[in-house]
Amino acid sequence: MAGMEGRRPTEPDRDLEQIIAETEAYLSELKSELQRRRAEARAAEIDDLETHLANARVKWDELKDFLEVVLQELKR
């Protein structure tokens, strides 16, 4: 603010600075928690990748079987 340079901070100013510092620290903790949760979710998806791939193989096998039946029907 204009004209406020060089003046001694008042008690309300120090209180606001303390609130800002605490808020910034809390925000930093929240950001860290968000990163941790995202990393945990990615790790869980990677852990489930084998299951997803196994299910995909089953579905491809089902599609292959279906197409074989369709081809046999078309040959008749």
N, C-alpha and C. Protein backbone atom coordinates (compact mmCIF):
# COMPACT_ATOMS: atom_id res chain seq x y z
N MET A 1 0.83 -1.17 0.00
CA MET A 1 0.00 0.00 0.00
C MET A 1 0.88 1.24 0.00
N ALA A 2 0.43 2.27 -0.67
CA ALA A 2 1.21 3.49 -0.80
C ALA A 2 1.40 4.15 0.55
N GLY A 3 2.61 4.65 0.79
CA GLY A 3 2.88 5.39 2.01
C GLY A 3 3.09 4.52 3.23
N MET A 4 3.10 3.20 3.09
CA MET A 4 3.23 2.34 4.26
C MET A 4 4.64 1.77 4.38
N GLU A 5 5.53 2.05 3.38
CA GLU A 5 6.88 1.54 3.46
C GLU A 5 7.61 2.19 4.64
N GLY A 6 8.40 1.44 5.33
CA GLY A 6 9.22 1.97 6.39
C GLY A 6 8.52 2.12 7.73
N ARG A 7 7.25 1.94 7.80
CA ARG A 7 6.57 2.06 9.09
C ARG A 7 6.70 0.75 9.84
N ARG A 8 6.62 0.80 11.13
CA ARG A 8 6.73 -0.39 11.96
C ARG A 8 5.42 -1.17 11.88
N PRO A 9 5.51 -2.51 11.75
CA PRO A 9 4.28 -3.30 11.69
C PRO A 9 3.51 -3.20 13.00
N THR A 10 2.22 -3.10 12.85
CA THR A 10 1.35 -3.05 14.02
C THR A 10 0.97 -4.47 14.41
N GLU A 11 0.38 -4.59 15.55
CA GLU A 11 -0.06 -5.91 16.02
C GLU A 11 -1.02 -6.58 15.02
N PRO A 12 -2.03 -5.85 14.47
CA PRO A 12 -2.90 -6.50 13.48
C PRO A 12 -2.12 -6.97 12.24
N ASP A 13 -1.09 -6.18 11.85
CA ASP A 13 -0.27 -6.60 10.70
C ASP A 13 0.46 -7.91 11.02
N ARG A 14 1.02 -7.99 12.21
CA ARG A 14 1.73 -9.22 12.60
C ARG A 14 0.76 -10.39 12.67
N ASP A 15 -0.44 -10.13 13.15
CA ASP A 15 -1.45 -11.19 13.20
C ASP A 15 -1.79 -11.68 11.80
N LEU A 16 -1.95 -10.74 10.87
CA LEU A 16 -2.26 -11.13 9.48
C LEU A 16 -1.10 -11.89 8.86
N GLU A 17 0.12 -11.45 9.13
CA GLU A 17 1.30 -12.15 8.61
C GLU A 17 1.36 -13.57 9.15
N GLN A 18 1.01 -13.74 10.41
CA GLN A 18 0.99 -15.07 11.02
C GLN A 18 -0.09 -15.94 10.37
N ILE A 19 -1.26 -15.37 10.13
CA ILE A 19 -2.35 -16.12 9.48
C ILE A 19 -1.93 -16.52 8.07
N ILE A 20 -1.29 -15.60 7.35
CA ILE A 20 -0.83 -15.90 6.00
C ILE A 20 0.20 -17.03 6.03
N ALA A 21 1.15 -16.96 6.94
CA ALA A 21 2.18 -18.00 7.05
C ALA A 21 1.55 -19.36 7.36
N GLU A 22 0.61 -19.38 8.29
CA GLU A 22 -0.06 -20.63 8.64
C GLU A 22 -0.87 -21.17 7.47
N THR A 23 -1.53 -20.27 6.74
CA THR A 23 -2.33 -20.68 5.59
C THR A 23 -1.44 -21.26 4.49
N GLU A 24 -0.30 -20.61 4.24
CA GLU A 24 0.63 -21.11 3.23
C GLU A 24 1.18 -22.48 3.63
N ALA A 25 1.48 -22.66 4.90
CA ALA A 25 1.98 -23.96 5.37
C ALA A 25 0.91 -25.03 5.20
N TYR A 26 -0.33 -24.70 5.54
CA TYR A 26 -1.44 -25.65 5.40
C TYR A 26 -1.67 -25.99 3.93
N LEU A 27 -1.59 -24.98 3.06
CA LEU A 27 -1.75 -25.21 1.63
C LEU A 27 -0.66 -26.14 1.11
N SER A 28 0.55 -25.95 1.59
CA SER A 28 1.65 -26.83 1.19
C SER A 28 1.37 -28.27 1.63
N GLU A 29 0.85 -28.44 2.85
CA GLU A 29 0.50 -29.79 3.33
C GLU A 29 -0.60 -30.41 2.46
N LEU A 30 -1.59 -29.60 2.09
CA LEU A 30 -2.67 -30.11 1.24
C LEU A 30 -2.15 -30.54 -0.12
N LYS A 31 -1.25 -29.75 -0.69
CA LYS A 31 -0.67 -30.11 -1.99
C LYS A 31 0.11 -31.41 -1.90
N SER A 32 0.86 -31.57 -0.81
CA SER A 32 1.61 -32.82 -0.61
C SER A 32 0.67 -34.01 -0.48
N GLU A 33 -0.41 -33.83 0.25
CA GLU A 33 -1.39 -34.91 0.42
C GLU A 33 -2.02 -35.27 -0.92
N LEU A 34 -2.34 -34.27 -1.73
CA LEU A 34 -2.92 -34.52 -3.04
C LEU A 34 -1.95 -35.31 -3.92
N GLN A 35 -0.68 -34.92 -3.91
CA GLN A 35 0.33 -35.66 -4.68
C GLN A 35 0.44 -37.09 -4.19
N ARG A 36 0.42 -37.28 -2.87
CA ARG A 36 0.52 -38.64 -2.31
C ARG A 36 -0.66 -39.49 -2.76
N ARG A 37 -1.87 -38.91 -2.70
CA ARG A 37 -3.06 -39.66 -3.10
C ARG A 37 -3.03 -40.01 -4.58
N ARG A 38 -2.58 -39.08 -5.41
CA ARG A 38 -2.49 -39.36 -6.85
C ARG A 38 -1.48 -40.45 -7.13
N ALA A 39 -0.34 -40.40 -6.44
CA ALA A 39 0.68 -41.43 -6.62
C ALA A 39 0.15 -42.79 -6.16
N GLU A 40 -0.58 -42.80 -5.06
CA GLU A 40 -1.17 -44.04 -4.56
C GLU A 40 -2.18 -44.61 -5.56
N ALA A 41 -2.99 -43.74 -6.16
CA ALA A 41 -3.97 -44.19 -7.14
C ALA A 41 -3.27 -44.76 -8.38
N ARG A 42 -2.19 -44.09 -8.82
CA ARG A 42 -1.44 -44.61 -9.98
C ARG A 42 -0.84 -45.97 -9.66
N ALA A 43 -0.29 -46.12 -8.45
CA ALA A 43 0.30 -47.40 -8.06
C ALA A 43 -0.75 -48.49 -8.02
N ALA A 44 -1.94 -48.17 -7.55
CA ALA A 44 -3.02 -49.16 -7.51
C ALA A 44 -3.42 -49.58 -8.93
N GLU A 45 -3.48 -48.63 -9.84
CA GLU A 45 -3.81 -48.97 -11.23
C GLU A 45 -2.73 -49.85 -11.84
N ILE A 46 -1.48 -49.56 -11.54
CA ILE A 46 -0.39 -50.39 -12.06
C ILE A 46 -0.48 -51.79 -11.48
N ASP A 47 -0.78 -51.87 -10.19
CA ASP A 47 -0.92 -53.18 -9.55
C ASP A 47 -2.05 -53.99 -10.18
N ASP A 48 -3.11 -53.31 -10.62
CA ASP A 48 -4.26 -53.99 -11.24
C ASP A 48 -4.08 -54.22 -12.73
N LEU A 49 -2.97 -53.77 -13.28
CA LEU A 49 -2.76 -53.89 -14.72
C LEU A 49 -2.80 -55.34 -15.19
N GLU A 50 -2.21 -56.23 -14.43
CA GLU A 50 -2.20 -57.65 -14.82
C GLU A 50 -3.63 -58.19 -14.93
N THR A 51 -4.47 -57.81 -13.99
CA THR A 51 -5.87 -58.24 -14.02
C THR A 51 -6.57 -57.67 -15.24
N HIS A 52 -6.34 -56.38 -15.51
CA HIS A 52 -6.96 -55.74 -16.67
C HIS A 52 -6.52 -56.43 -17.97
N LEU A 53 -5.23 -56.74 -18.05
CA LEU A 53 -4.73 -57.42 -19.25
C LEU A 53 -5.32 -58.82 -19.39
N ALA A 54 -5.45 -59.52 -18.28
CA ALA A 54 -6.04 -60.86 -18.33
C ALA A 54 -7.48 -60.78 -18.82
N ASN A 55 -8.24 -59.80 -18.33
CA ASN A 55 -9.62 -59.62 -18.78
C ASN A 55 -9.67 -59.26 -20.26
N ALA A 56 -8.75 -58.45 -20.70
CA ALA A 56 -8.72 -58.06 -22.11
C ALA A 56 -8.45 -59.27 -22.99
N ARG A 57 -7.54 -60.14 -22.55
CA ARG A 57 -7.24 -61.34 -23.33
C ARG A 57 -8.48 -62.23 -23.45
N VAL A 58 -9.20 -62.37 -22.35
CA VAL A 58 -10.42 -63.19 -22.37
C VAL A 58 -11.40 -62.61 -23.37
N LYS A 59 -11.56 -61.32 -23.36
CA LYS A 59 -12.50 -60.68 -24.28
C LYS A 59 -12.04 -60.83 -25.73
N TRP A 60 -10.74 -60.74 -25.98
CA TRP A 60 -10.26 -60.95 -27.35
C TRP A 60 -10.50 -62.39 -27.78
N ASP A 61 -10.31 -63.32 -26.85
CA ASP A 61 -10.58 -64.72 -27.18
C ASP A 61 -12.06 -64.92 -27.49
N GLU A 62 -12.93 -64.26 -26.74
CA GLU A 62 -14.36 -64.36 -27.02
C GLU A 62 -14.69 -63.79 -28.38
N LEU A 63 -14.08 -62.68 -28.73
CA LEU A 63 -14.31 -62.07 -30.03
C LEU A 63 -13.81 -62.99 -31.14
N LYS A 64 -12.65 -63.57 -30.95
CA LYS A 64 -12.10 -64.50 -31.94
C LYS A 64 -13.05 -65.69 -32.13
N ASP A 65 -13.54 -66.25 -31.04
CA ASP A 65 -14.48 -67.37 -31.14
C ASP A 65 -15.75 -66.96 -31.88
N PHE A 66 -16.25 -65.78 -31.57
CA PHE A 66 -17.45 -65.28 -32.23
C PHE A 66 -17.22 -65.13 -33.73
N LEU A 67 -16.08 -64.56 -34.10
CA LEU A 67 -15.80 -64.37 -35.53
C LEU A 67 -15.64 -65.70 -36.25
N GLU A 68 -15.09 -66.67 -35.59
CA GLU A 68 -14.97 -68.00 -36.19
C GLU A 68 -16.36 -68.59 -36.47
N VAL A 69 -17.28 -68.42 -35.53
CA VAL A 69 -18.64 -68.90 -35.71
C VAL A 69 -19.30 -68.17 -36.88
N VAL A 70 -19.10 -66.85 -36.94
CA VAL A 70 -19.68 -66.06 -38.03
C VAL A 70 -19.12 -66.52 -39.37
N LEU A 71 -17.85 -66.74 -39.45
CA LEU A 71 -17.24 -67.20 -40.71
C LEU A 71 -17.79 -68.57 -41.12
N GLN A 72 -17.95 -69.45 -40.14
CA GLN A 72 -18.51 -70.76 -40.45
C GLN A 72 -19.94 -70.64 -40.99
N GLU A 73 -20.72 -69.74 -40.40
CA GLU A 73 -22.09 -69.51 -40.86
C GLU A 73 -22.11 -68.93 -42.27
N LEU A 74 -21.19 -68.04 -42.55
CA LEU A 74 -21.15 -67.41 -43.87
C LEU A 74 -20.73 -68.41 -44.96
N LYS A 75 -19.95 -69.41 -44.60
CA LYS A 75 -19.50 -70.41 -45.56
C LYS A 75 -20.62 -71.36 -45.95
N ARG A 76 -21.65 -71.46 -45.18
CA ARG A 76 -22.74 -72.40 -45.45
C ARG A 76 -23.56 -71.96 -46.62
